[in-house]
Amino acid sequence: MPAYSIDVLDLDFRGSPRAVAAFLIKGPEGAVLVECGPGSTLPALERGLAAHALRPADIRAVLLTHIHLDHAGAAGWWAQHGADIYVHAFGAPHLIAPEKLLASATRIYGDQMDVLWGPYLASPAERVHALSGGETVAVAGLNFTAHDTPGHARHHLVWQLDDLAFVGDVAAIRIGGGRHIRIPSPPPEFEREVWLASIARMRALAFSRLYLTHFGALSDVDTHWQRVAALVDEQAELARDLPERATLLQRLIDFDNRDLSDDEREQYNNAGPIGMSADGLLRYWKRKGG
């Protein structure tokens, strides 16, 4: 087994610690990033690399779990600086020609787009490698396996390295291995049944550790998967029973209030706004005609 190290880089999103991570993996033939965060956090990411005696030019590949801006907004910057970008085939076109993605995001975030996400650059097509799941990507002297894991987003991958997994949002939000879990279910692609099937497939692989973009590593893997699956089911049913947005949102907030201090709640809101989760749950039932 080749030797490698994994470091969690805190991107200090919106000045909040432990909201968004990128993962630096140093292998026998160089360094690779899993996730790159948004353009607004590039200075923090560069500082994180410098702490490990690395420059952006030392990163030759970026593996993305999906193309949501908090995970992949800076991908074009890395591609324009020579890194190869590995991404789900459904997300790849939006990295190369981002106009539709940015128009959709602007409808949601309005004049906060630049503050939240910073610059979003188009990726040169020759730098973008589209995957569908099942492929093995050899970078930095290491072999990463891509797993197709829709449910949170149709363009979602989990990256496996040996018995470790970089899980994006399919394993939800759980900051620092704490007690609380938040299900990020933004519109338009939350699908309860599909997400549960993705969890079942990843759980069967019996990973020893998960690396969550929101936020950090955890080793109580099977228990975590069980809790995430139960919450996906519970919150989907809650949205069916409470189809009025204000009522559903208050119930989700009440759920958070059981576990979180004010400071912790701010971290979770930076990692995955609860209002967007309510919107995604309601849109799911609207699509199903329920």
C-alpha atoms as a PDB file:
ATOM      1  CA  MET A   1       0.000   0.000   0.000  1.00  0.00           C
ATOM      2  CA  PRO A   2       1.498   3.368  -0.950  1.00  0.00           C
ATOM      3  CA  ALA A   3       2.120   5.796   1.871  1.00  0.00           C
ATOM      4  CA  TYR A   4       0.053   8.967   1.928  1.00  0.00           C
ATOM      5  CA  SER A   5      -1.163  11.629   4.320  1.00  0.00           C
ATOM      6  CA  ILE A   6      -4.536  13.361   4.546  1.00  0.00           C
ATOM      7  CA  ASP A   7      -5.006  16.844   5.954  1.00  0.00           C
ATOM      8  CA  VAL A   8      -8.296  18.653   6.490  1.00  0.00           C
ATOM      9  CA  LEU A   9      -7.976  22.251   5.302  1.00  0.00           C
ATOM     10  CA  ASP A  10     -10.469  24.660   6.881  1.00  0.00           C
ATOM     11  CA  LEU A  11     -11.555  27.161   4.214  1.00  0.00           C
ATOM     12  CA  ASP A  12     -12.903  29.641   6.780  1.00  0.00           C
ATOM     13  CA  PHE A  13     -16.054  30.185   4.741  1.00  0.00           C
ATOM     14  CA  ARG A  14     -17.705  33.505   5.692  1.00  0.00           C
ATOM     15  CA  GLY A  15     -15.226  33.704   8.563  1.00  0.00           C
ATOM     16  CA  SER A  16     -16.744  30.593  10.115  1.00  0.00           C
ATOM     17  CA  PRO A  17     -14.459  27.778  11.272  1.00  0.00           C
ATOM     18  CA  ARG A  18     -15.353  24.205  10.353  1.00  0.00           C
ATOM     19  CA  ALA A  19     -18.034  25.097   7.808  1.00  0.00           C
ATOM     20  CA  VAL A  20     -16.362  24.045   4.533  1.00  0.00           C
ATOM     21  CA  ALA A  21     -13.326  21.801   4.089  1.00  0.00           C
ATOM     22  CA  ALA A  22     -10.991  20.784   1.334  1.00  0.00           C
ATOM     23  CA  PHE A  23      -8.843  17.687   1.722  1.00  0.00           C
ATOM     24  CA  LEU A  24      -5.163  17.643   0.889  1.00  0.00           C
ATOM     25  CA  ILE A  25      -3.799  14.184   0.089  1.00  0.00           C
ATOM     26  CA  LYS A  26      -0.046  13.885  -0.340  1.00  0.00           C
ATOM     27  CA  GLY A  27       0.944  10.712  -2.159  1.00  0.00           C
ATOM     28  CA  PRO A  28       4.249   9.254  -3.333  1.00  0.00           C
ATOM     29  CA  GLU A  29       4.044  11.227  -6.600  1.00  0.00           C
ATOM     30  CA  GLY A  30       2.612  14.554  -5.530  1.00  0.00           C
ATOM     31  CA  ALA A  31      -0.449  16.167  -4.010  1.00  0.00           C
ATOM     32  CA  VAL A  32      -4.141  16.186  -4.868  1.00  0.00           C
ATOM     33  CA  LEU A  33      -7.171  18.029  -3.528  1.00  0.00           C
ATOM     34  CA  VAL A  34     -10.589  16.556  -2.887  1.00  0.00           C
ATOM     35  CA  GLU A  35     -12.961  19.549  -3.049  1.00  0.00           C
ATOM     36  CA  CYS A  36     -11.723  23.080  -3.627  1.00  0.00           C
ATOM     37  CA  GLY A  37     -14.417  25.278  -2.115  1.00  0.00           C
ATOM     38  CA  PRO A  38     -15.717  28.505  -3.672  1.00  0.00           C
ATOM     39  CA  GLY A  39     -13.680  31.294  -5.206  1.00  0.00           C
ATOM     40  CA  SER A  40     -14.248  33.377  -2.076  1.00  0.00           C
ATOM     41  CA  THR A  41     -12.133  30.964  -0.013  1.00  0.00           C
ATOM     42  CA  LEU A  42      -9.143  30.698  -2.353  1.00  0.00           C
ATOM     43  CA  PRO A  43      -6.943  32.805  -0.021  1.00  0.00           C
ATOM     44  CA  ALA A  44      -7.688  30.459   2.874  1.00  0.00           C
ATOM     45  CA  LEU A  45      -6.977  27.422   0.698  1.00  0.00           C
ATOM     46  CA  GLU A  46      -3.669  28.887  -0.453  1.00  0.00           C
ATOM     47  CA  ARG A  47      -2.744  29.552   3.185  1.00  0.00           C
ATOM     48  CA  GLY A  48      -3.614  25.971   4.022  1.00  0.00           C
ATOM     49  CA  LEU A  49      -1.367  24.682   1.270  1.00  0.00           C
ATOM     50  CA  ALA A  50       1.465  27.004   2.332  1.00  0.00           C
ATOM     51  CA  ALA A  51       1.265  25.547   5.847  1.00  0.00           C
ATOM     52  CA  HIS A  52       2.233  22.250   4.214  1.00  0.00           C
ATOM     53  CA  ALA A  53       4.997  23.850   2.134  1.00  0.00           C
ATOM     54  CA  LEU A  54       2.926  23.640  -1.058  1.00  0.00           C
ATOM     55  CA  ARG A  55       1.990  26.152  -3.747  1.00  0.00           C
ATOM     56  CA  PRO A  56      -1.030  26.011  -6.055  1.00  0.00           C
ATOM     57  CA  ALA A  57       1.289  24.846  -8.847  1.00  0.00           C
ATOM     58  CA  ASP A  58       1.976  21.702  -6.807  1.00  0.00           C
ATOM     59  CA  ILE A  59      -1.671  20.605  -7.123  1.00  0.00           C
ATOM     60  CA  ARG A  60      -2.085  18.728 -10.378  1.00  0.00           C
ATOM     61  CA  ALA A  61      -5.569  17.299  -9.784  1.00  0.00           C
ATOM     62  CA  VAL A  62      -8.792  18.277  -8.013  1.00  0.00           C
ATOM     63  CA  LEU A  63     -11.435  15.622  -7.326  1.00  0.00           C
ATOM     64  CA  LEU A  64     -14.921  17.080  -6.863  1.00  0.00           C
ATOM     65  CA  THR A  65     -17.815  15.370  -5.114  1.00  0.00           C
ATOM     66  CA  HIS A  66     -20.302  17.627  -6.929  1.00  0.00           C
ATOM     67  CA  ILE A  67     -20.583  21.054  -8.501  1.00  0.00           C
ATOM     68  CA  HIS A  68     -22.469  23.031  -5.848  1.00  0.00           C
ATOM     69  CA  LEU A  69     -20.615  26.296  -5.339  1.00  0.00           C
ATOM     70  CA  ASP A  70     -19.454  25.595  -1.785  1.00  0.00           C
ATOM     71  CA  HIS A  71     -17.688  22.462  -3.042  1.00  0.00           C
ATOM     72  CA  ALA A  72     -16.544  23.398  -6.541  1.00  0.00           C
ATOM     73  CA  GLY A  73     -16.873  27.118  -7.141  1.00  0.00           C
ATOM     74  CA  ALA A  74     -13.107  27.559  -7.497  1.00  0.00           C
ATOM     75  CA  ALA A  75     -12.675  24.605  -9.878  1.00  0.00           C
ATOM     76  CA  GLY A  76     -12.224  26.861 -12.912  1.00  0.00           C
ATOM     77  CA  TRP A  77      -9.438  28.764 -11.168  1.00  0.00           C
ATOM     78  CA  TRP A  78      -7.587  25.510 -10.545  1.00  0.00           C
ATOM     79  CA  ALA A  79      -8.212  24.298 -14.097  1.00  0.00           C
ATOM     80  CA  GLN A  80      -6.910  27.568 -15.534  1.00  0.00           C
ATOM     81  CA  HIS A  81      -3.798  27.115 -13.387  1.00  0.00           C
ATOM     82  CA  GLY A  82      -3.140  23.680 -14.870  1.00  0.00           C
ATOM     83  CA  ALA A  83      -4.935  21.219 -12.574  1.00  0.00           C
ATOM     84  CA  ASP A  84      -7.019  18.378 -13.980  1.00  0.00           C
ATOM     85  CA  ILE A  85     -10.580  18.404 -12.629  1.00  0.00           C
ATOM     86  CA  TYR A  86     -12.440  15.128 -12.076  1.00  0.00           C
ATOM     87  CA  VAL A  87     -16.202  15.494 -11.765  1.00  0.00           C
ATOM     88  CA  HIS A  88     -19.480  13.709 -12.416  1.00  0.00           C
ATOM     89  CA  ALA A  89     -20.518  13.659 -16.075  1.00  0.00           C
ATOM     90  CA  PHE A  90     -23.753  15.507 -15.231  1.00  0.00           C
ATOM     91  CA  GLY A  91     -21.758  18.330 -13.672  1.00  0.00           C
ATOM     92  CA  ALA A  92     -18.897  18.573 -16.151  1.00  0.00           C
ATOM     93  CA  PRO A  93     -20.682  20.739 -18.768  1.00  0.00           C
ATOM     94  CA  HIS A  94     -21.452  23.363 -16.108  1.00  0.00           C
ATOM     95  CA  LEU A  95     -17.760  23.725 -15.279  1.00  0.00           C
ATOM     96  CA  ILE A  96     -16.885  24.299 -18.926  1.00  0.00           C
ATOM     97  CA  ALA A  97     -19.843  26.600 -19.712  1.00  0.00           C
ATOM     98  CA  PRO A  98     -21.116  27.887 -16.354  1.00  0.00           C
ATOM     99  CA  GLU A  99     -23.711  30.383 -17.554  1.00  0.00           C
ATOM    100  CA  LYS A 100     -26.781  28.295 -16.631  1.00  0.00           C
ATOM    101  CA  LEU A 101     -25.342  27.319 -13.262  1.00  0.00           C
ATOM    102  CA  LEU A 102     -24.521  30.925 -12.399  1.00  0.00           C
ATOM    103  CA  ALA A 103     -27.912  32.186 -13.594  1.00  0.00           C
ATOM    104  CA  SER A 104     -29.643  29.630 -11.374  1.00  0.00           C
ATOM    105  CA  ALA A 105     -27.471  30.531  -8.384  1.00  0.00           C
ATOM    106  CA  THR A 106     -28.049  34.254  -8.955  1.00  0.00           C
ATOM    107  CA  ARG A 107     -31.811  33.721  -8.764  1.00  0.00           C
ATOM    108  CA  ILE A 108     -31.245  32.286  -5.279  1.00  0.00           C
ATOM    109  CA  TYR A 109     -28.474  34.499  -3.896  1.00  0.00           C
ATOM    110  CA  GLY A 110     -29.010  37.758  -5.779  1.00  0.00           C
ATOM    111  CA  ASP A 111     -26.553  40.491  -4.876  1.00  0.00           C
ATOM    112  CA  GLN A 112     -24.832  38.200  -2.370  1.00  0.00           C
ATOM    113  CA  MET A 113     -23.311  36.056  -5.120  1.00  0.00           C
ATOM    114  CA  ASP A 114     -19.882  37.672  -5.070  1.00  0.00           C
ATOM    115  CA  VAL A 115     -19.727  37.984  -1.282  1.00  0.00           C
ATOM    116  CA  LEU A 116     -20.598  34.337  -0.772  1.00  0.00           C
ATOM    117  CA  TRP A 117     -18.896  32.641  -3.683  1.00  0.00           C
ATOM    118  CA  GLY A 118     -16.333  34.997  -5.190  1.00  0.00           C
ATOM    119  CA  PRO A 119     -15.145  34.564  -8.782  1.00  0.00           C
ATOM    120  CA  TYR A 120     -16.363  31.573 -10.788  1.00  0.00           C
ATOM    121  CA  LEU A 121     -14.179  30.910 -13.812  1.00  0.00           C
ATOM    122  CA  ALA A 122     -14.903  28.604 -16.734  1.00  0.00           C
ATOM    123  CA  SER A 123     -12.757  25.461 -16.861  1.00  0.00           C
ATOM    124  CA  PRO A 124     -10.863  24.688 -20.072  1.00  0.00           C
ATOM    125  CA  ALA A 125     -12.567  21.639 -21.566  1.00  0.00           C
ATOM    126  CA  GLU A 126      -9.317  19.701 -21.871  1.00  0.00           C
ATOM    127  CA  ARG A 127      -8.855  19.922 -18.100  1.00  0.00           C
ATOM    128  CA  VAL A 128     -12.283  18.497 -17.216  1.00  0.00           C
ATOM    129  CA  HIS A 129     -12.636  14.722 -16.887  1.00  0.00           C
ATOM    130  CA  ALA A 130     -16.240  13.496 -16.771  1.00  0.00           C
ATOM    131  CA  LEU A 131     -17.031  10.351 -14.759  1.00  0.00           C
ATOM    132  CA  SER A 132     -20.169   8.293 -14.238  1.00  0.00           C
ATOM    133  CA  GLY A 133     -19.101   6.148 -11.292  1.00  0.00           C
ATOM    134  CA  GLY A 134     -17.033   2.978 -11.156  1.00  0.00           C
ATOM    135  CA  GLU A 135     -13.892   4.552 -12.645  1.00  0.00           C
ATOM    136  CA  THR A 136     -10.496   4.499 -10.957  1.00  0.00           C
ATOM    137  CA  VAL A 137      -8.485   7.695 -11.205  1.00  0.00           C
ATOM    138  CA  ALA A 138      -4.707   7.415 -10.767  1.00  0.00           C
ATOM    139  CA  VAL A 139      -3.229  10.654  -9.430  1.00  0.00           C
ATOM    140  CA  ALA A 140      -0.279  11.475  -7.148  1.00  0.00           C
ATOM    141  CA  GLY A 141       0.702   7.805  -7.187  1.00  0.00           C
ATOM    142  CA  LEU A 142      -2.656   6.846  -5.642  1.00  0.00           C
ATOM    143  CA  ASN A 143      -5.814   5.179  -6.943  1.00  0.00           C
ATOM    144  CA  PHE A 144      -9.159   6.816  -6.203  1.00  0.00           C
ATOM    145  CA  THR A 145     -12.441   5.098  -7.081  1.00  0.00           C
ATOM    146  CA  ALA A 146     -15.455   7.224  -7.996  1.00  0.00           C
ATOM    147  CA  HIS A 147     -18.902   6.093  -6.795  1.00  0.00           C
ATOM    148  CA  ASP A 148     -22.102   7.513  -8.285  1.00  0.00           C
ATOM    149  CA  THR A 149     -24.146   8.662  -5.279  1.00  0.00           C
ATOM    150  CA  PRO A 150     -27.197  10.764  -6.225  1.00  0.00           C
ATOM    151  CA  GLY A 151     -29.894  11.887  -3.809  1.00  0.00           C
ATOM    152  CA  HIS A 152     -28.517  15.202  -2.621  1.00  0.00           C
ATOM    153  CA  ALA A 153     -27.622  16.045  -6.215  1.00  0.00           C
ATOM    154  CA  ARG A 154     -27.717  14.016  -9.421  1.00  0.00           C
ATOM    155  CA  HIS A 155     -24.088  14.977 -10.108  1.00  0.00           C
ATOM    156  CA  HIS A 156     -22.716  13.586  -6.829  1.00  0.00           C
ATOM    157  CA  LEU A 157     -19.694  11.307  -6.424  1.00  0.00           C
ATOM    158  CA  VAL A 158     -18.075   9.701  -3.398  1.00  0.00           C
ATOM    159  CA  TRP A 159     -14.326   9.255  -3.713  1.00  0.00           C
ATOM    160  CA  GLN A 160     -12.800   6.116  -2.216  1.00  0.00           C
ATOM    161  CA  LEU A 161      -9.138   5.750  -1.270  1.00  0.00           C
ATOM    162  CA  ASP A 162      -8.437   2.295   0.167  1.00  0.00           C
ATOM    163  CA  ASP A 163     -11.079   1.960   2.916  1.00  0.00           C
ATOM    164  CA  LEU A 164     -11.542   5.712   3.319  1.00  0.00           C
ATOM    165  CA  ALA A 165     -14.260   7.817   1.674  1.00  0.00           C
ATOM    166  CA  PHE A 166     -14.600  11.498   0.844  1.00  0.00           C
ATOM    167  CA  VAL A 167     -18.350  11.816   0.921  1.00  0.00           C
ATOM    168  CA  GLY A 168     -19.362  15.361  -0.035  1.00  0.00           C
ATOM    169  CA  ASP A 169     -22.966  15.863   1.095  1.00  0.00           C
ATOM    170  CA  VAL A 170     -24.376  12.345   0.756  1.00  0.00           C
ATOM    171  CA  ALA A 171     -23.289  11.776   4.379  1.00  0.00           C
ATOM    172  CA  ALA A 172     -24.942  15.072   5.420  1.00  0.00           C
ATOM    173  CA  ILE A 173     -23.515  17.787   7.686  1.00  0.00           C
ATOM    174  CA  ARG A 174     -21.925  16.842  10.994  1.00  0.00           C
ATOM    175  CA  ILE A 175     -19.377  19.309  12.231  1.00  0.00           C
ATOM    176  CA  GLY A 176     -16.354  17.971  14.058  1.00  0.00           C
ATOM    177  CA  GLY A 177     -17.938  14.583  14.725  1.00  0.00           C
ATOM    178  CA  GLY A 178     -20.446  16.147  17.109  1.00  0.00           C
ATOM    179  CA  ARG A 179     -23.851  14.823  17.995  1.00  0.00           C
ATOM    180  CA  HIS A 180     -25.938  16.916  15.609  1.00  0.00           C
ATOM    181  CA  ILE A 181     -26.578  15.988  11.967  1.00  0.00           C
ATOM    182  CA  ARG A 182     -28.270  18.267   9.429  1.00  0.00           C
ATOM    183  CA  ILE A 183     -29.639  16.890   6.172  1.00  0.00           C
ATOM    184  CA  PRO A 184     -28.780  19.297   3.322  1.00  0.00           C
ATOM    185  CA  SER A 185     -31.698  18.948   0.917  1.00  0.00           C
ATOM    186  CA  PRO A 186     -31.610  22.022  -1.321  1.00  0.00           C
ATOM    187  CA  PRO A 187     -33.692  22.168  -4.494  1.00  0.00           C
ATOM    188  CA  PRO A 188     -33.973  20.992  -7.142  1.00  0.00           C
ATOM    189  CA  GLU A 189     -32.545  17.463  -6.921  1.00  0.00           C
ATOM    190  CA  PHE A 190     -33.260  16.062  -3.444  1.00  0.00           C
ATOM    191  CA  GLU A 191     -34.716  12.558  -3.877  1.00  0.00           C
ATOM    192  CA  ARG A 192     -35.418  10.534  -0.736  1.00  0.00           C
ATOM    193  CA  GLU A 193     -35.473   7.066  -2.293  1.00  0.00           C
ATOM    194  CA  VAL A 194     -32.394   7.711  -4.412  1.00  0.00           C
ATOM    195  CA  TRP A 195     -30.434   9.131  -1.470  1.00  0.00           C
ATOM    196  CA  LEU A 196     -31.324   6.141   0.699  1.00  0.00           C
ATOM    197  CA  ALA A 197     -30.142   3.780  -2.036  1.00  0.00           C
ATOM    198  CA  SER A 198     -26.832   5.673  -2.254  1.00  0.00           C
ATOM    199  CA  ILE A 199     -26.399   5.390   1.515  1.00  0.00           C
ATOM    200  CA  ALA A 200     -27.102   1.657   1.403  1.00  0.00           C
ATOM    201  CA  ARG A 201     -24.462   1.110  -1.295  1.00  0.00           C
ATOM    202  CA  MET A 202     -21.842   3.173   0.535  1.00  0.00           C
ATOM    203  CA  ARG A 203     -22.647   1.526   3.870  1.00  0.00           C
ATOM    204  CA  ALA A 204     -22.113  -1.913   2.309  1.00  0.00           C
ATOM    205  CA  LEU A 205     -18.525  -0.917   1.433  1.00  0.00           C
ATOM    206  CA  ALA A 206     -17.706  -0.752   5.175  1.00  0.00           C
ATOM    207  CA  PHE A 207     -15.403   2.253   5.077  1.00  0.00           C
ATOM    208  CA  SER A 208     -13.276   2.740   8.170  1.00  0.00           C
ATOM    209  CA  ARG A 209     -13.469   6.532   8.042  1.00  0.00           C
ATOM    210  CA  LEU A 210     -15.527   9.200   6.315  1.00  0.00           C
ATOM    211  CA  TYR A 211     -14.310  12.674   5.393  1.00  0.00           C
ATOM    212  CA  LEU A 212     -17.192  15.172   5.384  1.00  0.00           C
ATOM    213  CA  THR A 213     -16.850  18.447   3.533  1.00  0.00           C
ATOM    214  CA  HIS A 214     -19.064  19.861   6.305  1.00  0.00           C
ATOM    215  CA  PHE A 215     -16.969  19.042   8.360  1.00  0.00           C
ATOM    216  CA  GLY A 216     -14.029  16.751   9.089  1.00  0.00           C
ATOM    217  CA  ALA A 217     -13.257  13.081   9.635  1.00  0.00           C
ATOM    218  CA  LEU A 218     -15.310  10.591  11.612  1.00  0.00           C
ATOM    219  CA  SER A 219     -14.860   6.932  12.441  1.00  0.00           C
ATOM    220  CA  ASP A 220     -18.280   5.860  13.820  1.00  0.00           C
ATOM    221  CA  VAL A 221     -19.136   5.097  10.222  1.00  0.00           C
ATOM    222  CA  ASP A 222     -21.976   2.591  10.390  1.00  0.00           C
ATOM    223  CA  THR A 223     -23.786   4.462  13.142  1.00  0.00           C
ATOM    224  CA  HIS A 224     -23.444   7.664  11.151  1.00  0.00           C
ATOM    225  CA  TRP A 225     -24.916   6.119   7.990  1.00  0.00           C
ATOM    226  CA  GLN A 226     -27.828   4.746  10.027  1.00  0.00           C
ATOM    227  CA  ARG A 227     -28.573   8.149  11.530  1.00  0.00           C
ATOM    228  CA  VAL A 228     -28.353   9.955   8.189  1.00  0.00           C
ATOM    229  CA  ALA A 229     -30.720   7.467   6.537  1.00  0.00           C
ATOM    230  CA  ALA A 230     -33.207   7.792   9.392  1.00  0.00           C
ATOM    231  CA  LEU A 231     -33.135  11.598   9.176  1.00  0.00           C
ATOM    232  CA  VAL A 232     -33.585  11.636   5.398  1.00  0.00           C
ATOM    233  CA  ASP A 233     -36.721   9.539   5.877  1.00  0.00           C
ATOM    234  CA  GLU A 234     -37.953  11.496   8.884  1.00  0.00           C
ATOM    235  CA  GLN A 235     -37.581  14.917   7.311  1.00  0.00           C
ATOM    236  CA  ALA A 236     -39.122  13.850   4.017  1.00  0.00           C
ATOM    237  CA  GLU A 237     -42.171  12.594   5.907  1.00  0.00           C
ATOM    238  CA  LEU A 238     -42.263  15.792   7.945  1.00  0.00           C
ATOM    239  CA  ALA A 239     -42.449  17.830   4.737  1.00  0.00           C
ATOM    240  CA  ARG A 240     -45.348  15.703   3.491  1.00  0.00           C
ATOM    241  CA  ASP A 241     -47.237  16.306   6.747  1.00  0.00           C
ATOM    242  CA  LEU A 242     -46.354  20.030   6.924  1.00  0.00           C
ATOM    243  CA  PRO A 243     -46.587  21.379   3.363  1.00  0.00           C
ATOM    244  CA  GLU A 244     -46.632  25.043   4.462  1.00  0.00           C
ATOM    245  CA  ARG A 245     -43.084  26.375   4.251  1.00  0.00           C
ATOM    246  CA  ALA A 246     -43.188  28.515   7.394  1.00  0.00           C
ATOM    247  CA  THR A 247     -44.463  25.632   9.521  1.00  0.00           C
ATOM    248  CA  LEU A 248     -41.955  23.148   8.118  1.00  0.00           C
ATOM    249  CA  LEU A 249     -39.085  25.599   8.530  1.00  0.00           C
ATOM    250  CA  GLN A 250     -39.992  26.195  12.174  1.00  0.00           C
ATOM    251  CA  ARG A 251     -40.065  22.448  12.853  1.00  0.00           C
ATOM    252  CA  LEU A 252     -36.617  22.057  11.298  1.00  0.00           C
ATOM    253  CA  ILE A 253     -35.348  24.972  13.397  1.00  0.00           C
ATOM    254  CA  ASP A 254     -36.861  23.413  16.525  1.00  0.00           C
ATOM    255  CA  PHE A 255     -35.011  20.188  15.716  1.00  0.00           C
ATOM    256  CA  ASP A 256     -31.732  22.132  15.579  1.00  0.00           C
ATOM    257  CA  ASN A 257     -32.505  23.936  18.816  1.00  0.00           C
ATOM    258  CA  ARG A 258     -32.444  20.655  20.729  1.00  0.00           C
ATOM    259  CA  ASP A 259     -28.724  20.195  20.141  1.00  0.00           C
ATOM    260  CA  LEU A 260     -27.028  23.425  19.109  1.00  0.00           C
ATOM    261  CA  SER A 261     -25.716  26.530  20.788  1.00  0.00           C
ATOM    262  CA  ASP A 262     -26.014  29.857  18.971  1.00  0.00           C
ATOM    263  CA  ASP A 263     -22.405  29.632  17.763  1.00  0.00           C
ATOM    264  CA  GLU A 264     -22.878  26.064  16.550  1.00  0.00           C
ATOM    265  CA  ARG A 265     -26.083  27.006  14.766  1.00  0.00           C
ATOM    266  CA  GLU A 266     -24.233  29.718  12.873  1.00  0.00           C
ATOM    267  CA  GLN A 267     -21.645  27.154  11.763  1.00  0.00           C
ATOM    268  CA  TYR A 268     -24.360  24.801  10.537  1.00  0.00           C
ATOM    269  CA  ASN A 269     -26.160  27.622   8.739  1.00  0.00           C
ATOM    270  CA  ASN A 270     -22.947  28.523   6.934  1.00  0.00           C
ATOM    271  CA  ALA A 271     -22.427  24.871   6.014  1.00  0.00           C
ATOM    272  CA  GLY A 272     -26.002  24.307   4.805  1.00  0.00           C
ATOM    273  CA  PRO A 273     -28.778  26.914   5.204  1.00  0.00           C
ATOM    274  CA  ILE A 274     -31.819  25.373   6.795  1.00  0.00           C
ATOM    275  CA  GLY A 275     -34.251  27.378   4.669  1.00  0.00           C
ATOM    276  CA  MET A 276     -32.845  25.803   1.516  1.00  0.00           C
ATOM    277  CA  SER A 277     -33.316  22.358   3.029  1.00  0.00           C
ATOM    278  CA  ALA A 278     -36.981  23.164   3.632  1.00  0.00           C
ATOM    279  CA  ASP A 279     -37.336  24.344   0.037  1.00  0.00           C
ATOM    280  CA  GLY A 280     -35.796  21.159  -1.318  1.00  0.00           C
ATOM    281  CA  LEU A 281     -38.064  18.930   0.762  1.00  0.00           C
ATOM    282  CA  LEU A 282     -41.163  20.790  -0.398  1.00  0.00           C
ATOM    283  CA  ARG A 283     -40.065  20.713  -4.030  1.00  0.00           C
ATOM    284  CA  TYR A 284     -39.556  16.947  -3.750  1.00  0.00           C
ATOM    285  CA  TRP A 285     -43.208  16.436  -2.778  1.00  0.00           C
ATOM    286  CA  LYS A 286     -44.405  18.915  -5.387  1.00  0.00           C
ATOM    287  CA  ARG A 287     -42.648  16.892  -8.100  1.00  0.00           C
ATOM    288  CA  LYS A 288     -44.246  13.723  -6.764  1.00  0.00           C
ATOM    289  CA  GLY A 289     -47.673  15.354  -6.764  1.00  0.00           C
ATOM    290  CA  GLY A 290     -47.980  14.998  -2.983  1.00  0.00           C
END
